[in-house]
Amino acid sequence: MIRRLYEWTLSQAESKNALWILGFVAFVESSVFPIPPDVLMIPMIIASPRRAWLIAGVALLGSVLGALVGYYIGYGLFDSVGRPVLEFYGKDAYFEEFRTRYNEWGAWAVLIAGITPFPFKVITILSGSTGLNLGVFIIASIIARAARFFIVAALLWKFGAPIRDFIDKRLGLLFTVFMVLLVGGFVMVKYL
């Protein structure tokens, strides 16, 4: 099923409504959809490099708006769904400790998930369930998603189709390594 969904998403890159579909895919991917907007973005930019920045901007806007829906899912459904499950298993006290720690480092979690291949929807929902400051959440989401989408757009705009394999196979790993080094550097500075 995921493969068919992937193929359908990819086929929409050639649609006359591709920008709208990209915005929609980016929107739902931030809260529930399993296919990242890059699947549409990459062929759209290769086909029309002069529109690279517009395409990245649409993905950014859709993704951040969808992140707000993910945040609301976590925020709105935690008391009715999440808390009873935690109470059933006797883990509600642990969640309060987790909430405090998560909210201390939540901006980093949003940045890391927004840039790396980690499913962004997990962090958007988790951020809402812990009550991460909404302003911090929005700013971190904008920075992370802008970095991800505009770096992909810049690479495709500059190098075209030959860079596609690098983006598909190695850019996620490169983003992950960069974020680990960045966070590790801040942690070392704080504790050394």
N, C-alpha and C. Protein backbone atom coordinates (compact mmCIF):
# COMPACT_ATOMS: atom_id res chain seq x y z
N MET A 1 0.82 -1.19 0.00
CA MET A 1 0.00 0.00 0.00
C MET A 1 0.87 1.27 0.00
N ILE A 2 1.93 1.26 0.82
CA ILE A 2 2.81 2.43 0.87
C ILE A 2 3.46 2.65 -0.49
N ARG A 3 3.83 1.56 -1.15
CA ARG A 3 4.47 1.68 -2.47
C ARG A 3 3.51 2.33 -3.47
N ARG A 4 2.24 1.92 -3.46
CA ARG A 4 1.24 2.51 -4.37
C ARG A 4 1.04 3.99 -4.05
N LEU A 5 1.02 4.31 -2.77
CA LEU A 5 0.87 5.70 -2.34
C LEU A 5 2.07 6.53 -2.79
N TYR A 6 3.26 5.96 -2.68
CA TYR A 6 4.48 6.61 -3.14
C TYR A 6 4.41 6.87 -4.64
N GLU A 7 4.04 5.85 -5.40
CA GLU A 7 3.95 5.98 -6.86
C GLU A 7 2.91 7.03 -7.26
N TRP A 8 1.77 7.03 -6.59
CA TRP A 8 0.74 8.03 -6.87
C TRP A 8 1.27 9.43 -6.58
N THR A 9 1.92 9.60 -5.44
CA THR A 9 2.47 10.90 -5.06
C THR A 9 3.48 11.36 -6.11
N LEU A 10 4.36 10.48 -6.51
CA LEU A 10 5.37 10.81 -7.52
C LEU A 10 4.72 11.19 -8.84
N SER A 11 3.68 10.51 -9.23
CA SER A 11 3.01 10.80 -10.51
C SER A 11 2.37 12.19 -10.53
N GLN A 12 2.07 12.74 -9.37
CA GLN A 12 1.43 14.05 -9.30
C GLN A 12 2.38 15.19 -9.64
N ALA A 13 3.67 14.92 -9.71
CA ALA A 13 4.65 15.95 -10.05
C ALA A 13 4.42 16.52 -11.44
N GLU A 14 3.80 15.74 -12.32
CA GLU A 14 3.55 16.18 -13.69
C GLU A 14 2.18 16.81 -13.87
N SER A 15 1.39 16.82 -12.82
CA SER A 15 0.04 17.37 -12.89
C SER A 15 0.08 18.89 -13.03
N LYS A 16 -0.95 19.44 -13.69
CA LYS A 16 -1.02 20.90 -13.80
C LYS A 16 -1.29 21.54 -12.44
N ASN A 17 -1.78 20.75 -11.50
CA ASN A 17 -2.03 21.23 -10.14
C ASN A 17 -0.93 20.79 -9.18
N ALA A 18 0.26 20.53 -9.69
CA ALA A 18 1.34 19.98 -8.88
C ALA A 18 1.67 20.84 -7.66
N LEU A 19 1.67 22.17 -7.81
CA LEU A 19 1.98 23.03 -6.66
C LEU A 19 0.96 22.87 -5.55
N TRP A 20 -0.32 22.80 -5.92
CA TRP A 20 -1.36 22.62 -4.91
C TRP A 20 -1.23 21.25 -4.24
N ILE A 21 -0.95 20.25 -5.05
CA ILE A 21 -0.80 18.89 -4.52
C ILE A 21 0.42 18.83 -3.60
N LEU A 22 1.52 19.49 -4.01
CA LEU A 22 2.71 19.56 -3.16
C LEU A 22 2.37 20.20 -1.82
N GLY A 23 1.66 21.32 -1.85
CA GLY A 23 1.26 21.98 -0.61
C GLY A 23 0.44 21.06 0.27
N PHE A 24 -0.48 20.32 -0.35
CA PHE A 24 -1.32 19.39 0.40
C PHE A 24 -0.50 18.23 0.98
N VAL A 25 0.39 17.65 0.17
CA VAL A 25 1.23 16.54 0.64
C VAL A 25 2.12 17.02 1.79
N ALA A 26 2.72 18.20 1.65
CA ALA A 26 3.56 18.74 2.73
C ALA A 26 2.74 18.97 3.99
N PHE A 27 1.50 19.44 3.81
CA PHE A 27 0.59 19.69 4.93
C PHE A 27 0.28 18.40 5.69
N VAL A 28 -0.17 17.37 4.98
CA VAL A 28 -0.57 16.14 5.66
C VAL A 28 0.62 15.32 6.13
N GLU A 29 1.77 15.47 5.49
CA GLU A 29 2.96 14.72 5.91
C GLU A 29 3.41 15.16 7.30
N SER A 30 3.16 16.40 7.67
CA SER A 30 3.60 16.90 8.97
C SER A 30 2.74 16.40 10.12
N SER A 31 1.64 15.73 9.81
CA SER A 31 0.80 15.24 10.90
C SER A 31 0.38 13.78 10.75
N VAL A 32 0.17 13.28 9.53
CA VAL A 32 -0.32 11.90 9.40
C VAL A 32 0.22 11.13 8.18
N PHE A 33 0.55 11.77 7.11
CA PHE A 33 0.87 11.11 5.83
C PHE A 33 2.29 10.54 5.83
N PRO A 34 2.50 9.31 5.34
CA PRO A 34 3.83 8.69 5.43
C PRO A 34 4.83 9.10 4.34
N ILE A 35 4.40 9.75 3.27
CA ILE A 35 5.29 10.06 2.15
C ILE A 35 5.77 11.51 2.26
N PRO A 36 7.09 11.75 2.27
CA PRO A 36 7.59 13.13 2.40
C PRO A 36 7.37 13.94 1.12
N PRO A 37 7.25 15.26 1.26
CA PRO A 37 7.01 16.11 0.10
C PRO A 37 8.17 16.13 -0.89
N ASP A 38 9.34 15.69 -0.47
CA ASP A 38 10.50 15.64 -1.36
C ASP A 38 10.22 14.79 -2.60
N VAL A 39 9.36 13.78 -2.44
CA VAL A 39 9.00 12.89 -3.55
C VAL A 39 8.40 13.70 -4.70
N LEU A 40 7.64 14.73 -4.39
CA LEU A 40 7.07 15.62 -5.41
C LEU A 40 8.03 16.75 -5.76
N MET A 41 8.67 17.31 -4.75
CA MET A 41 9.54 18.47 -4.96
C MET A 41 10.65 18.19 -5.97
N ILE A 42 11.32 17.08 -5.80
CA ILE A 42 12.50 16.80 -6.62
C ILE A 42 12.18 16.76 -8.11
N PRO A 43 11.20 15.95 -8.56
CA PRO A 43 10.91 15.96 -10.00
C PRO A 43 10.34 17.30 -10.48
N MET A 44 9.62 18.01 -9.61
CA MET A 44 9.08 19.31 -10.02
C MET A 44 10.20 20.31 -10.27
N ILE A 45 11.21 20.31 -9.40
CA ILE A 45 12.32 21.26 -9.57
C ILE A 45 13.20 20.86 -10.76
N ILE A 46 13.41 19.56 -10.94
CA ILE A 46 14.20 19.11 -12.10
C ILE A 46 13.51 19.53 -13.39
N ALA A 47 12.19 19.41 -13.43
CA ALA A 47 11.43 19.78 -14.63
C ALA A 47 11.41 21.29 -14.85
N SER A 48 11.46 22.07 -13.78
CA SER A 48 11.37 23.52 -13.89
C SER A 48 12.27 24.20 -12.86
N PRO A 49 13.60 24.20 -13.10
CA PRO A 49 14.54 24.74 -12.11
C PRO A 49 14.29 26.22 -11.77
N ARG A 50 13.75 26.99 -12.69
CA ARG A 50 13.52 28.41 -12.41
C ARG A 50 12.44 28.61 -11.34
N ARG A 51 11.65 27.57 -11.08
CA ARG A 51 10.60 27.65 -10.05
C ARG A 51 11.03 26.99 -8.73
N ALA A 52 12.30 26.69 -8.60
CA ALA A 52 12.81 25.96 -7.43
C ALA A 52 12.42 26.64 -6.12
N TRP A 53 12.56 27.96 -6.06
CA TRP A 53 12.30 28.68 -4.80
C TRP A 53 10.81 28.73 -4.49
N LEU A 54 10.00 28.86 -5.51
CA LEU A 54 8.55 28.83 -5.32
C LEU A 54 8.12 27.45 -4.81
N ILE A 55 8.65 26.42 -5.42
CA ILE A 55 8.31 25.05 -5.03
C ILE A 55 8.72 24.80 -3.58
N ALA A 56 9.93 25.20 -3.22
CA ALA A 56 10.39 25.03 -1.83
C ALA A 56 9.52 25.84 -0.87
N GLY A 57 9.12 27.03 -1.28
CA GLY A 57 8.27 27.88 -0.44
C GLY A 57 6.90 27.26 -0.20
N VAL A 58 6.33 26.65 -1.23
CA VAL A 58 5.03 25.98 -1.09
C VAL A 58 5.17 24.80 -0.13
N ALA A 59 6.25 24.03 -0.28
CA ALA A 59 6.48 22.90 0.63
C ALA A 59 6.65 23.40 2.07
N LEU A 60 7.37 24.49 2.24
CA LEU A 60 7.57 25.06 3.57
C LEU A 60 6.25 25.49 4.19
N LEU A 61 5.47 26.24 3.45
CA LEU A 61 4.19 26.74 3.97
C LEU A 61 3.25 25.57 4.33
N GLY A 62 3.12 24.63 3.42
CA GLY A 62 2.26 23.47 3.69
C GLY A 62 2.74 22.67 4.89
N SER A 63 4.04 22.49 5.00
CA SER A 63 4.60 21.70 6.08
C SER A 63 4.40 22.36 7.44
N VAL A 64 4.64 23.67 7.52
CA VAL A 64 4.48 24.36 8.81
C VAL A 64 3.01 24.42 9.22
N LEU A 65 2.11 24.64 8.27
CA LEU A 65 0.68 24.62 8.60
C LEU A 65 0.26 23.22 9.05
N GLY A 66 0.76 22.20 8.38
CA GLY A 66 0.47 20.83 8.79
C GLY A 66 1.07 20.50 10.15
N ALA A 67 2.22 21.07 10.45
CA ALA A 67 2.84 20.86 11.76
C ALA A 67 1.94 21.39 12.87
N LEU A 68 1.26 22.50 12.58
CA LEU A 68 0.32 23.05 13.57
C LEU A 68 -0.85 22.08 13.81
N VAL A 69 -1.28 21.39 12.76
CA VAL A 69 -2.33 20.38 12.92
C VAL A 69 -1.80 19.22 13.77
N GLY A 70 -0.57 18.79 13.48
CA GLY A 70 0.04 17.74 14.29
C GLY A 70 0.15 18.15 15.75
N TYR A 71 0.56 19.38 15.99
CA TYR A 71 0.66 19.91 17.35
C TYR A 71 -0.72 19.85 18.01
N TYR A 72 -1.75 20.27 17.28
CA TYR A 72 -3.10 20.27 17.84
C TYR A 72 -3.58 18.84 18.14
N ILE A 73 -3.22 17.89 17.28
CA ILE A 73 -3.58 16.50 17.53
C ILE A 73 -3.01 16.06 18.87
N GLY A 74 -1.72 16.34 19.08
CA GLY A 74 -1.10 15.98 20.35
C GLY A 74 -1.70 16.73 21.52
N TYR A 75 -1.95 18.01 21.32
CA TYR A 75 -2.49 18.86 22.39
C TYR A 75 -3.94 18.51 22.70
N GLY A 76 -4.73 18.37 21.67
CA GLY A 76 -6.17 18.16 21.85
C GLY A 76 -6.56 16.75 22.23
N LEU A 77 -5.79 15.78 21.79
CA LEU A 77 -6.17 14.39 22.05
C LEU A 77 -5.43 13.76 23.22
N PHE A 78 -4.46 14.47 23.77
CA PHE A 78 -3.69 13.86 24.85
C PHE A 78 -4.57 13.54 26.05
N ASP A 79 -5.38 14.49 26.49
CA ASP A 79 -6.20 14.25 27.67
C ASP A 79 -7.24 13.16 27.45
N SER A 80 -7.80 13.09 26.24
CA SER A 80 -8.85 12.11 25.99
C SER A 80 -8.32 10.74 25.60
N VAL A 81 -7.14 10.69 24.98
CA VAL A 81 -6.61 9.41 24.51
C VAL A 81 -5.30 9.04 25.23
N GLY A 82 -4.34 9.93 25.19
CA GLY A 82 -3.01 9.63 25.72
C GLY A 82 -2.95 9.43 27.22
N ARG A 83 -3.53 10.36 27.97
CA ARG A 83 -3.46 10.28 29.43
C ARG A 83 -4.13 9.01 29.97
N PRO A 84 -5.33 8.62 29.51
CA PRO A 84 -5.92 7.38 30.02
C PRO A 84 -5.05 6.14 29.77
N VAL A 85 -4.37 6.11 28.63
CA VAL A 85 -3.48 4.97 28.35
C VAL A 85 -2.33 4.97 29.34
N LEU A 86 -1.71 6.15 29.57
CA LEU A 86 -0.61 6.24 30.53
C LEU A 86 -1.07 5.85 31.93
N GLU A 87 -2.25 6.31 32.33
CA GLU A 87 -2.79 5.98 33.65
C GLU A 87 -3.05 4.48 33.78
N PHE A 88 -3.57 3.87 32.73
CA PHE A 88 -3.83 2.44 32.74
C PHE A 88 -2.56 1.65 33.03
N TYR A 89 -1.45 2.09 32.42
CA TYR A 89 -0.18 1.39 32.61
C TYR A 89 0.62 1.94 33.79
N GLY A 90 0.06 2.90 34.52
CA GLY A 90 0.75 3.46 35.68
C GLY A 90 1.96 4.29 35.32
N LYS A 91 1.94 4.90 34.16
CA LYS A 91 3.09 5.66 33.68
C LYS A 91 2.82 7.16 33.62
N ASP A 92 1.71 7.63 34.17
CA ASP A 92 1.39 9.05 34.06
C ASP A 92 2.41 9.93 34.78
N ALA A 93 2.97 9.48 35.89
CA ALA A 93 3.99 10.26 36.60
C ALA A 93 5.26 10.37 35.77
N TYR A 94 5.60 9.31 35.05
CA TYR A 94 6.78 9.34 34.20
C TYR A 94 6.61 10.34 33.06
N PHE A 95 5.38 10.46 32.59
CA PHE A 95 5.14 11.40 31.49
C PHE A 95 5.39 12.83 31.94
N GLU A 96 5.03 13.17 33.16
CA GLU A 96 5.27 14.53 33.64
C GLU A 96 6.75 14.85 33.67
N GLU A 97 7.55 13.88 34.09
CA GLU A 97 9.02 14.07 34.07
C GLU A 97 9.50 14.20 32.62
N PHE A 98 8.98 13.34 31.76
CA PHE A 98 9.35 13.40 30.34
C PHE A 98 8.95 14.75 29.75
N ARG A 99 7.75 15.23 30.07
CA ARG A 99 7.25 16.51 29.56
C ARG A 99 8.23 17.63 29.92
N THR A 100 8.68 17.66 31.15
CA THR A 100 9.60 18.70 31.60
C THR A 100 10.90 18.64 30.80
N ARG A 101 11.44 17.46 30.67
CA ARG A 101 12.71 17.31 29.92
C ARG A 101 12.53 17.62 28.44
N TYR A 102 11.44 17.13 27.87
CA TYR A 102 11.20 17.37 26.45
C TYR A 102 11.05 18.87 26.18
N ASN A 103 10.30 19.56 27.00
CA ASN A 103 10.09 20.98 26.76
C ASN A 103 11.36 21.80 26.96
N GLU A 104 12.28 21.29 27.76
CA GLU A 104 13.58 21.95 27.92
C GLU A 104 14.38 21.87 26.63
N TRP A 105 14.28 20.76 25.94
CA TRP A 105 15.05 20.52 24.71
C TRP A 105 14.17 20.45 23.47
N GLY A 106 12.89 20.77 23.59
CA GLY A 106 11.93 20.59 22.51
C GLY A 106 12.27 21.30 21.21
N ALA A 107 12.83 22.51 21.31
CA ALA A 107 13.19 23.23 20.09
C ALA A 107 14.20 22.42 19.28
N TRP A 108 15.14 21.79 19.97
CA TRP A 108 16.13 20.95 19.28
C TRP A 108 15.47 19.74 18.64
N ALA A 109 14.52 19.15 19.33
CA ALA A 109 13.82 17.99 18.78
C ALA A 109 13.09 18.37 17.49
N VAL A 110 12.43 19.53 17.50
CA VAL A 110 11.72 19.98 16.31
C VAL A 110 12.71 20.28 15.18
N LEU A 111 13.82 20.93 15.50
CA LEU A 111 14.83 21.22 14.48
C LEU A 111 15.40 19.94 13.87
N ILE A 112 15.75 19.01 14.73
CA ILE A 112 16.35 17.76 14.24
C ILE A 112 15.36 16.98 13.38
N ALA A 113 14.14 16.82 13.86
CA ALA A 113 13.15 16.06 13.09
C ALA A 113 12.74 16.79 11.82
N GLY A 114 12.75 18.11 11.84
CA GLY A 114 12.36 18.88 10.67
C GLY A 114 13.38 18.86 9.55
N ILE A 115 14.63 18.61 9.89
CA ILE A 115 15.69 18.61 8.89
C ILE A 115 16.05 17.19 8.46
N THR A 116 16.09 16.28 9.39
CA THR A 116 16.54 14.91 9.11
C THR A 116 15.39 14.04 8.59
N PRO A 117 15.70 12.81 8.21
CA PRO A 117 14.64 11.91 7.74
C PRO A 117 13.72 11.40 8.85
N PHE A 118 13.97 11.73 10.12
CA PHE A 118 13.09 11.31 11.21
C PHE A 118 11.68 11.80 10.91
N PRO A 119 10.67 10.97 11.12
CA PRO A 119 9.28 11.39 10.80
C PRO A 119 8.87 12.64 11.59
N PHE A 120 8.69 13.74 10.89
CA PHE A 120 8.37 15.03 11.50
C PHE A 120 7.05 14.96 12.27
N LYS A 121 6.12 14.16 11.76
CA LYS A 121 4.79 14.06 12.39
C LYS A 121 4.88 13.57 13.83
N VAL A 122 5.85 12.71 14.12
CA VAL A 122 6.02 12.20 15.48
C VAL A 122 6.32 13.36 16.44
N ILE A 123 7.21 14.24 16.02
CA ILE A 123 7.61 15.36 16.86
C ILE A 123 6.53 16.42 16.94
N THR A 124 5.79 16.64 15.84
CA THR A 124 4.72 17.64 15.92
C THR A 124 3.65 17.21 16.92
N ILE A 125 3.28 15.94 16.88
CA ILE A 125 2.27 15.44 17.81
C ILE A 125 2.81 15.41 19.24
N LEU A 126 4.05 14.95 19.39
CA LEU A 126 4.67 14.92 20.72
C LEU A 126 4.79 16.33 21.30
N SER A 127 5.13 17.30 20.48
CA SER A 127 5.25 18.68 20.96
C SER A 127 3.92 19.20 21.49
N GLY A 128 2.84 18.85 20.82
CA GLY A 128 1.52 19.26 21.31
C GLY A 128 1.15 18.55 22.59
N SER A 129 1.47 17.26 22.69
CA SER A 129 1.09 16.51 23.88
C SER A 129 1.87 16.96 25.11
N THR A 130 3.07 17.48 24.92
CA THR A 130 3.85 17.97 26.06
C THR A 130 3.61 19.44 26.33
N GLY A 131 2.89 20.10 25.43
CA GLY A 131 2.62 21.52 25.62
C GLY A 131 3.84 22.39 25.36
N LEU A 132 4.72 21.95 24.45
CA LEU A 132 5.87 22.78 24.08
C LEU A 132 5.36 24.16 23.69
N ASN A 133 6.05 25.20 24.12
CA ASN A 133 5.66 26.57 23.81
C ASN A 133 5.38 26.69 22.31
N LEU A 134 4.18 27.16 21.97
CA LEU A 134 3.76 27.21 20.56
C LEU A 134 4.66 28.11 19.72
N GLY A 135 5.09 29.24 20.27
CA GLY A 135 5.99 30.14 19.54
C GLY A 135 7.31 29.47 19.22
N VAL A 136 7.88 28.78 20.19
CA VAL A 136 9.13 28.05 20.00
C VAL A 136 8.92 26.97 18.94
N PHE A 137 7.79 26.28 19.03
CA PHE A 137 7.49 25.22 18.08
C PHE A 137 7.40 25.77 16.65
N ILE A 138 6.70 26.88 16.47
CA ILE A 138 6.53 27.46 15.13
C ILE A 138 7.86 27.93 14.57
N ILE A 139 8.64 28.64 15.36
CA ILE A 139 9.94 29.15 14.88
C ILE A 139 10.87 28.00 14.52
N ALA A 140 10.95 26.99 15.39
CA ALA A 140 11.81 25.84 15.10
C ALA A 140 11.34 25.10 13.85
N SER A 141 10.02 24.99 13.68
CA SER A 141 9.47 24.33 12.49
C SER A 141 9.84 25.09 11.22
N ILE A 142 9.70 26.41 11.26
CA ILE A 142 10.02 27.23 10.08
C ILE A 142 11.50 27.10 9.73
N ILE A 143 12.37 27.22 10.72
CA ILE A 143 13.81 27.13 10.47
C ILE A 143 14.17 25.77 9.90
N ALA A 144 13.67 24.70 10.54
CA ALA A 144 14.02 23.35 10.12
C ALA A 144 13.51 23.02 8.73
N ARG A 145 12.25 23.29 8.49
CA ARG A 145 11.68 22.94 7.19
C ARG A 145 12.23 23.83 6.07
N ALA A 146 12.48 25.09 6.38
CA ALA A 146 13.10 25.97 5.37
C ALA A 146 14.48 25.45 5.01
N ALA A 147 15.26 25.09 6.01
CA ALA A 147 16.60 24.55 5.74
C ALA A 147 16.50 23.32 4.85
N ARG A 148 15.64 22.41 5.22
CA ARG A 148 15.53 21.16 4.45
C ARG A 148 15.08 21.42 3.02
N PHE A 149 13.98 22.13 2.84
CA PHE A 149 13.43 22.30 1.50
C PHE A 149 14.26 23.23 0.62
N PHE A 150 14.80 24.29 1.20
CA PHE A 150 15.57 25.22 0.38
C PHE A 150 16.97 24.70 0.05
N ILE A 151 17.53 23.84 0.91
CA ILE A 151 18.81 23.21 0.55
C ILE A 151 18.59 22.24 -0.61
N VAL A 152 17.54 21.45 -0.54
CA VAL A 152 17.22 20.54 -1.65
C VAL A 152 16.97 21.34 -2.92
N ALA A 153 16.21 22.42 -2.82
CA ALA A 153 15.93 23.27 -3.99
C ALA A 153 17.21 23.87 -4.55
N ALA A 154 18.09 24.35 -3.69
CA ALA A 154 19.34 24.96 -4.15
C ALA A 154 20.22 23.94 -4.85
N LEU A 155 20.31 22.74 -4.31
CA LEU A 155 21.13 21.70 -4.95
C LEU A 155 20.58 21.34 -6.32
N LEU A 156 19.27 21.18 -6.41
CA LEU A 156 18.66 20.84 -7.70
C LEU A 156 18.74 22.00 -8.68
N TRP A 157 18.57 23.21 -8.20
CA TRP A 157 18.66 24.39 -9.06
C TRP A 157 20.08 24.52 -9.64
N LYS A 158 21.07 24.28 -8.80
CA LYS A 158 22.47 24.44 -9.22
C LYS A 158 22.97 23.27 -10.07
N PHE A 159 22.66 22.03 -9.65
CA PHE A 159 23.26 20.86 -10.29
C PHE A 159 22.30 20.04 -11.13
N GLY A 160 21.01 20.27 -11.00
CA GLY A 160 20.02 19.56 -11.80
C GLY A 160 19.90 18.09 -11.48
N ALA A 161 19.47 17.32 -12.46
CA ALA A 161 19.18 15.89 -12.28
C ALA A 161 20.36 15.07 -11.76
N PRO A 162 21.62 15.38 -12.12
CA PRO A 162 22.72 14.55 -11.62
C PRO A 162 22.83 14.50 -10.08
N ILE A 163 22.34 15.49 -9.40
CA ILE A 163 22.43 15.51 -7.92
C ILE A 163 21.30 14.71 -7.27
N ARG A 164 20.34 14.28 -8.05
CA ARG A 164 19.17 13.58 -7.50
C ARG A 164 19.54 12.34 -6.69
N ASP A 165 20.45 11.52 -7.20
CA ASP A 165 20.85 10.31 -6.46
C ASP A 165 21.48 10.67 -5.12
N PHE A 166 22.30 11.72 -5.10
CA PHE A 166 22.90 12.17 -3.85
C PHE A 166 21.81 12.57 -2.86
N ILE A 167 20.84 13.33 -3.32
CA ILE A 167 19.75 13.78 -2.44
C ILE A 167 18.96 12.58 -1.93
N ASP A 168 18.60 11.67 -2.82
CA ASP A 168 17.80 10.50 -2.44
C ASP A 168 18.53 9.58 -1.47
N LYS A 169 19.83 9.38 -1.68
CA LYS A 169 20.55 8.37 -0.92
C LYS A 169 21.40 8.90 0.22
N ARG A 170 21.89 10.14 0.12
CA ARG A 170 22.87 10.57 1.11
C ARG A 170 22.54 11.87 1.85
N LEU A 171 21.66 12.69 1.31
CA LEU A 171 21.40 13.98 1.94
C LEU A 171 20.78 13.82 3.32
N GLY A 172 19.87 12.87 3.48
CA GLY A 172 19.28 12.62 4.79
C GLY A 172 20.33 12.24 5.82
N LEU A 173 21.27 11.39 5.41
CA LEU A 173 22.36 11.00 6.30
C LEU A 173 23.25 12.21 6.62
N LEU A 174 23.53 13.02 5.61
CA LEU A 174 24.35 14.22 5.82
C LEU A 174 23.67 15.18 6.79
N PHE A 175 22.37 15.41 6.63
CA PHE A 175 21.61 16.25 7.55
C PHE A 175 21.68 15.68 8.98
N THR A 176 21.52 14.36 9.09
CA THR A 176 21.54 13.72 10.40
C THR A 176 22.90 13.89 11.08
N VAL A 177 23.97 13.64 10.34
CA VAL A 177 25.32 13.80 10.90
C VAL A 177 25.55 15.25 11.31
N PHE A 178 25.15 16.19 10.47
CA PHE A 178 25.30 17.61 10.80
C PHE A 178 24.58 17.95 12.09
N MET A 179 23.34 17.50 12.24
CA MET A 179 22.55 17.82 13.44
C MET A 179 23.15 17.16 14.68
N VAL A 180 23.65 15.93 14.55
CA VAL A 180 24.29 15.26 15.68
C VAL A 180 25.53 16.05 16.11
N LEU A 181 26.33 16.48 15.15
CA LEU A 181 27.52 17.27 15.48
C LEU A 181 27.15 18.62 16.08
N LEU A 182 26.14 19.26 15.55
CA LEU A 182 25.71 20.56 16.08
C LEU A 182 25.22 20.43 17.51
N VAL A 183 24.31 19.51 17.75
CA VAL A 183 23.78 19.32 19.10
C VAL A 183 24.89 18.84 20.04
N GLY A 184 25.71 17.92 19.57
CA GLY A 184 26.84 17.43 20.38
C GLY A 184 27.78 18.56 20.76
N GLY A 185 28.02 19.48 19.84
CA GLY A 185 28.87 20.63 20.14
C GLY A 185 28.28 21.50 21.23
N PHE A 186 26.98 21.77 21.14
CA PHE A 186 26.32 22.58 22.18
C PHE A 186 26.33 21.87 23.54
N VAL A 187 26.11 20.57 23.52
CA VAL A 187 26.13 19.81 24.77
C VAL A 187 27.53 19.84 25.39
N MET A 188 28.55 19.68 24.56
CA MET A 188 29.92 19.71 25.06
C MET A 188 30.25 21.08 25.65
N VAL A 189 29.84 22.13 24.98
CA VAL A 189 30.10 23.49 25.48
C VAL A 189 29.40 23.69 26.82
N LYS A 190 28.18 23.18 26.93
CA LYS A 190 27.42 23.36 28.17
C LYS A 190 28.03 22.62 29.35
N TYR A 191 28.55 21.42 29.11
CA TYR A 191 29.03 20.59 30.21
C TYR A 191 30.53 20.57 30.37
N LEU A 192 31.26 21.22 29.53
CA LEU A 192 32.75 21.25 29.67
C LEU A 192 33.21 22.56 30.23
